[in-house]
Amino acid sequence: MKEEILRQIRWSGETRGLVRNLKGFNKKHHTVPDAATPATVAFLGRLVAPELEEEAEDFFQRTRAALGYKRREISLLSEGGRAVLETKDFSLEWLYALAEEDPGEWVRTFALTGLSSRDLLGNPGFDALFRGVFGVLEFHLASPVQVEAVIDAVEEAGEKRRSAGAAEIVVEYPSNCSRCLLRVGGTDVVAVFTGDVLRMEFPQSGSPLELAEEFARIRGFFDILNA
């Protein structure tokens, strides 16, 4: 995988829970949010800040030790419900938000971006840091591709692949073609394409290397995006 492509990839994983079950939530004095507003988002940030700071600091120390970073090569900023770890090789973000469909739940997104080198993927220390963490791989295309063009190409290719008895991509989309959902035959991978972002959702969470290898295995199905 080329370095310029790596820098366009975002690995992410999510965890969820109930706001009322957070350690900082006081059931006698606090109210569970019923909407995501600036005030309730700030409230969530205050609740999770102590635990997030502790978790991010622990990850900072483990990253520094695993990859041998010097002081100028790694930094950490934590404020409210967000923390950012910057290194000379990658960026890592923790972000807490209220779930859109149920503001009584929190969602924590853990995202890795800006990977500088493919060699890092095979580094045992790097791999151990993120083992079993990520379930989503996102590609941000340099030049957008029309969703309709992708749908048409997949449907046309599907007829040829079926007649040849080969695996295919099943495509689903709304009437306005604002996005399309692609299911790769023979795998449990689901992809959502919106024109400028291809989001790959994997059935099992893994390390950056494991997700990259799985994508490489099925990449030929998505050559239409490079057309």
Protein backbone atom coordinates (compact mmCIF):
# COMPACT_ATOMS: atom_id res chain seq x y z
CA MET A 1 0.00 0.00 0.00
CA LYS A 2 1.50 3.34 -1.09
CA GLU A 3 2.37 6.00 1.49
CA GLU A 4 0.18 8.66 -0.18
CA ILE A 5 -2.79 6.29 0.07
CA LEU A 6 -2.03 5.53 3.73
CA ARG A 7 -2.24 9.22 4.60
CA GLN A 8 -5.77 9.31 3.18
CA ILE A 9 -7.00 6.42 5.33
CA ARG A 10 -8.84 6.70 8.62
CA TRP A 11 -9.07 3.66 10.91
CA SER A 12 -11.75 3.93 13.58
CA GLY A 13 -13.55 2.01 16.27
CA GLU A 14 -16.52 2.84 18.49
CA THR A 15 -17.66 2.01 21.99
CA ARG A 16 -21.00 2.95 23.53
CA GLY A 17 -22.66 3.16 26.89
CA LEU A 18 -25.37 4.86 28.94
CA VAL A 19 -24.70 8.35 30.24
CA ARG A 20 -26.23 7.45 33.59
CA ASN A 21 -23.66 4.68 34.04
CA LEU A 22 -20.63 6.97 33.73
CA LYS A 23 -18.58 7.25 36.92
CA GLY A 24 -19.05 11.01 37.11
CA PHE A 25 -22.84 10.86 36.76
CA ASN A 26 -24.62 11.67 40.02
CA LYS A 27 -28.15 10.25 39.87
CA LYS A 28 -29.31 12.60 42.63
CA HIS A 29 -28.15 15.79 40.93
CA HIS A 30 -27.74 15.07 37.22
CA THR A 31 -30.31 14.57 34.46
CA VAL A 32 -29.85 12.25 31.50
CA PRO A 33 -29.72 14.34 28.28
CA ASP A 34 -32.75 14.14 26.02
CA ALA A 35 -31.15 16.10 23.16
CA ALA A 36 -27.67 16.82 21.83
CA THR A 37 -27.12 20.54 22.45
CA PRO A 38 -23.96 22.57 23.19
CA ALA A 39 -24.88 22.42 26.89
CA THR A 40 -25.44 18.64 27.04
CA VAL A 41 -22.31 17.95 24.95
CA ALA A 42 -20.29 20.10 27.36
CA PHE A 43 -21.89 18.21 30.26
CA LEU A 44 -20.78 14.90 28.74
CA GLY A 45 -17.27 16.29 28.31
CA ARG A 46 -17.06 17.16 31.99
CA LEU A 47 -18.29 13.69 32.99
CA VAL A 48 -15.76 11.78 30.90
CA ALA A 49 -12.77 14.15 31.23
CA PRO A 50 -11.05 12.47 34.23
CA GLU A 51 -11.24 8.95 32.76
CA LEU A 52 -10.28 10.14 29.29
CA GLU A 53 -7.24 12.00 30.58
CA GLU A 54 -6.13 8.88 32.45
CA GLU A 55 -6.66 6.61 29.45
CA ALA A 56 -4.94 8.97 27.02
CA GLU A 57 -1.97 9.44 29.36
CA ASP A 58 -1.61 5.66 29.68
CA PHE A 59 -1.70 5.31 25.89
CA PHE A 60 0.87 8.12 25.57
CA GLN A 61 3.29 6.26 27.83
CA ARG A 62 2.75 2.91 26.13
CA THR A 63 3.19 4.46 22.66
CA ARG A 64 6.37 6.24 23.69
CA ALA A 65 7.81 3.02 25.09
CA ALA A 66 6.69 0.76 22.23
CA LEU A 67 8.00 3.00 19.43
CA GLY A 68 10.91 4.69 21.19
CA TYR A 69 9.72 8.24 20.64
CA LYS A 70 11.65 11.21 22.00
CA ARG A 71 9.90 14.15 23.64
CA ARG A 72 9.77 16.20 20.44
CA GLU A 73 8.27 13.30 18.50
CA ILE A 74 5.10 12.80 20.55
CA SER A 75 2.57 15.06 22.29
CA LEU A 76 -0.82 14.76 23.97
CA LEU A 77 -3.65 17.25 24.35
CA SER A 78 -6.75 16.37 26.37
CA GLU A 79 -9.70 18.69 26.99
CA GLY A 80 -13.26 17.77 27.92
CA GLY A 81 -14.51 14.89 25.82
CA ARG A 82 -11.67 14.98 23.28
CA ALA A 83 -8.01 13.96 23.35
CA VAL A 84 -5.44 14.03 20.55
CA LEU A 85 -2.15 12.16 20.47
CA GLU A 86 0.27 13.48 17.82
CA THR A 87 3.42 11.61 16.84
CA LYS A 88 5.89 11.96 14.01
CA ASP A 89 4.24 8.96 12.35
CA PHE A 90 0.50 9.26 12.98
CA SER A 91 -2.34 11.07 14.78
CA LEU A 92 -4.80 9.48 17.18
CA GLU A 93 -8.06 11.00 18.44
CA TRP A 94 -10.50 10.06 21.20
CA LEU A 95 -13.87 11.81 20.88
CA TYR A 96 -16.96 11.44 23.06
CA ALA A 97 -20.36 12.48 21.70
CA LEU A 98 -24.02 11.90 22.47
CA ALA A 99 -25.69 9.33 20.21
CA GLU A 100 -27.90 11.04 17.64
CA GLU A 101 -30.60 8.38 17.84
CA ASP A 102 -30.59 8.32 21.66
CA PRO A 103 -28.92 11.22 23.54
CA GLY A 104 -29.08 9.11 26.70
CA GLU A 105 -26.18 7.12 25.25
CA TRP A 106 -22.59 8.22 24.71
CA VAL A 107 -20.44 7.17 21.75
CA ARG A 108 -16.66 7.16 21.92
CA THR A 109 -14.81 7.20 18.59
CA PHE A 110 -11.16 6.17 18.52
CA ALA A 111 -9.57 7.19 15.21
CA LEU A 112 -6.14 6.79 13.63
CA THR A 113 -5.09 9.03 10.72
CA GLY A 114 -2.04 10.38 8.91
CA LEU A 115 -0.02 7.17 8.91
CA SER A 116 3.36 8.12 7.45
CA SER A 117 4.73 4.76 6.32
CA ARG A 118 3.53 1.27 5.44
CA ASP A 119 6.52 -0.06 7.39
CA LEU A 120 4.77 1.05 10.57
CA LEU A 121 1.90 -1.37 9.90
CA GLY A 122 4.28 -4.29 10.27
CA ASN A 123 5.97 -2.95 13.41
CA PRO A 124 5.16 -5.42 16.24
CA GLY A 125 5.03 -2.64 18.84
CA PHE A 126 2.64 -0.57 16.75
CA ASP A 127 0.46 -3.59 15.98
CA ALA A 128 0.23 -4.51 19.67
CA LEU A 129 -0.98 -1.02 20.59
CA PHE A 130 -4.04 -1.34 18.35
CA ARG A 131 -4.80 -5.05 18.39
CA GLY A 132 -8.56 -5.68 18.20
CA VAL A 133 -9.38 -1.95 18.24
CA PHE A 134 -10.58 -0.90 14.78
CA GLY A 135 -13.62 -2.07 12.83
CA VAL A 136 -13.90 0.64 10.16
CA LEU A 137 -11.56 1.71 7.36
CA GLU A 138 -12.34 4.95 5.51
CA PHE A 139 -10.78 6.19 2.29
CA HIS A 140 -11.11 9.87 1.43
CA LEU A 141 -10.89 10.15 -2.35
CA ALA A 142 -8.76 12.96 -3.77
CA SER A 143 -11.32 13.41 -6.58
CA PRO A 144 -15.02 12.66 -5.94
CA VAL A 145 -16.78 10.03 -8.06
CA GLN A 146 -20.49 10.22 -8.86
CA VAL A 147 -22.47 7.72 -6.82
CA GLU A 148 -24.69 7.03 -9.84
CA ALA A 149 -21.63 6.06 -11.89
CA VAL A 150 -20.56 3.55 -9.26
CA ILE A 151 -24.06 2.07 -9.04
CA ASP A 152 -24.27 1.71 -12.83
CA ALA A 153 -20.83 0.12 -13.06
CA VAL A 154 -21.54 -2.35 -10.25
CA GLU A 155 -24.90 -3.36 -11.76
CA GLU A 156 -23.38 -3.84 -15.21
CA ALA A 157 -20.42 -5.79 -13.85
CA GLY A 158 -22.77 -7.89 -11.74
CA GLU A 159 -24.48 -9.34 -14.79
CA LYS A 160 -21.14 -10.38 -16.31
CA ARG A 161 -19.83 -11.85 -13.03
CA ARG A 162 -23.04 -13.82 -12.45
CA SER A 163 -22.86 -15.34 -15.92
CA ALA A 164 -19.23 -16.28 -15.24
CA GLY A 165 -20.08 -17.75 -11.83
CA ALA A 166 -17.75 -15.27 -10.07
CA ALA A 167 -18.27 -13.47 -6.77
CA GLU A 168 -19.95 -10.10 -7.11
CA ILE A 169 -20.87 -6.93 -5.25
CA VAL A 170 -24.51 -6.45 -4.27
CA VAL A 171 -25.46 -2.77 -4.36
CA GLU A 172 -28.30 -1.03 -2.47
CA TYR A 173 -29.21 2.66 -2.70
CA PRO A 174 -31.99 5.17 -2.00
CA SER A 175 -33.98 6.74 -4.85
CA ASN A 176 -31.95 9.96 -4.72
CA CYS A 177 -28.66 8.02 -5.04
CA SER A 178 -27.05 10.12 -2.32
CA ARG A 179 -25.04 7.08 -1.29
CA CYS A 180 -24.83 3.38 -1.98
CA LEU A 181 -24.21 0.36 0.17
CA LEU A 182 -22.01 -2.38 -1.25
CA ARG A 183 -21.80 -5.95 0.00
CA VAL A 184 -18.87 -7.97 -1.27
CA GLY A 185 -19.81 -11.51 -2.25
CA GLY A 186 -18.16 -14.22 -0.20
CA THR A 187 -17.30 -11.87 2.68
CA ASP A 188 -19.08 -10.11 5.53
CA VAL A 189 -17.59 -6.74 4.59
CA VAL A 190 -20.04 -3.86 4.08
CA ALA A 191 -19.01 -0.67 2.30
CA VAL A 192 -20.82 2.67 2.16
CA PHE A 193 -19.87 5.08 -0.62
CA THR A 194 -20.92 8.75 -0.57
CA GLY A 195 -19.04 10.19 -3.53
CA ASP A 196 -15.85 11.23 -1.79
CA VAL A 197 -15.60 8.69 1.05
CA LEU A 198 -15.59 4.89 0.93
CA ARG A 199 -16.35 3.48 4.39
CA MET A 200 -15.49 -0.20 4.88
CA GLU A 201 -17.16 -1.89 7.86
CA PHE A 202 -15.61 -5.18 8.97
CA PRO A 203 -17.40 -7.92 10.96
CA GLN A 204 -14.53 -8.24 13.44
CA SER A 205 -12.32 -5.55 14.92
CA GLY A 206 -8.60 -5.79 14.32
CA SER A 207 -5.34 -3.89 14.07
CA PRO A 208 -4.56 -1.44 11.23
CA LEU A 209 -2.52 -4.16 9.50
CA GLU A 210 -5.32 -6.73 9.70
CA LEU A 211 -7.89 -4.35 8.19
CA ALA A 212 -5.46 -3.20 5.50
CA GLU A 213 -4.70 -6.80 4.54
CA GLU A 214 -8.40 -7.66 4.34
CA PHE A 215 -9.02 -4.63 2.12
CA ALA A 216 -6.06 -5.57 -0.11
CA ARG A 217 -7.64 -9.01 -0.57
CA ILE A 218 -10.89 -7.56 -1.96
CA ARG A 219 -9.57 -4.31 -3.42
CA GLY A 220 -10.21 -5.39 -7.01
CA PHE A 221 -13.94 -5.06 -6.39
CA PHE A 222 -13.52 -1.29 -5.96
CA ASP A 223 -11.38 -0.42 -8.99
CA ILE A 224 -14.34 1.52 -10.37
CA LEU A 225 -13.57 4.26 -7.84
CA ASN A 226 -10.27 4.92 -9.61
CA ALA A 227 -11.87 5.30 -13.00
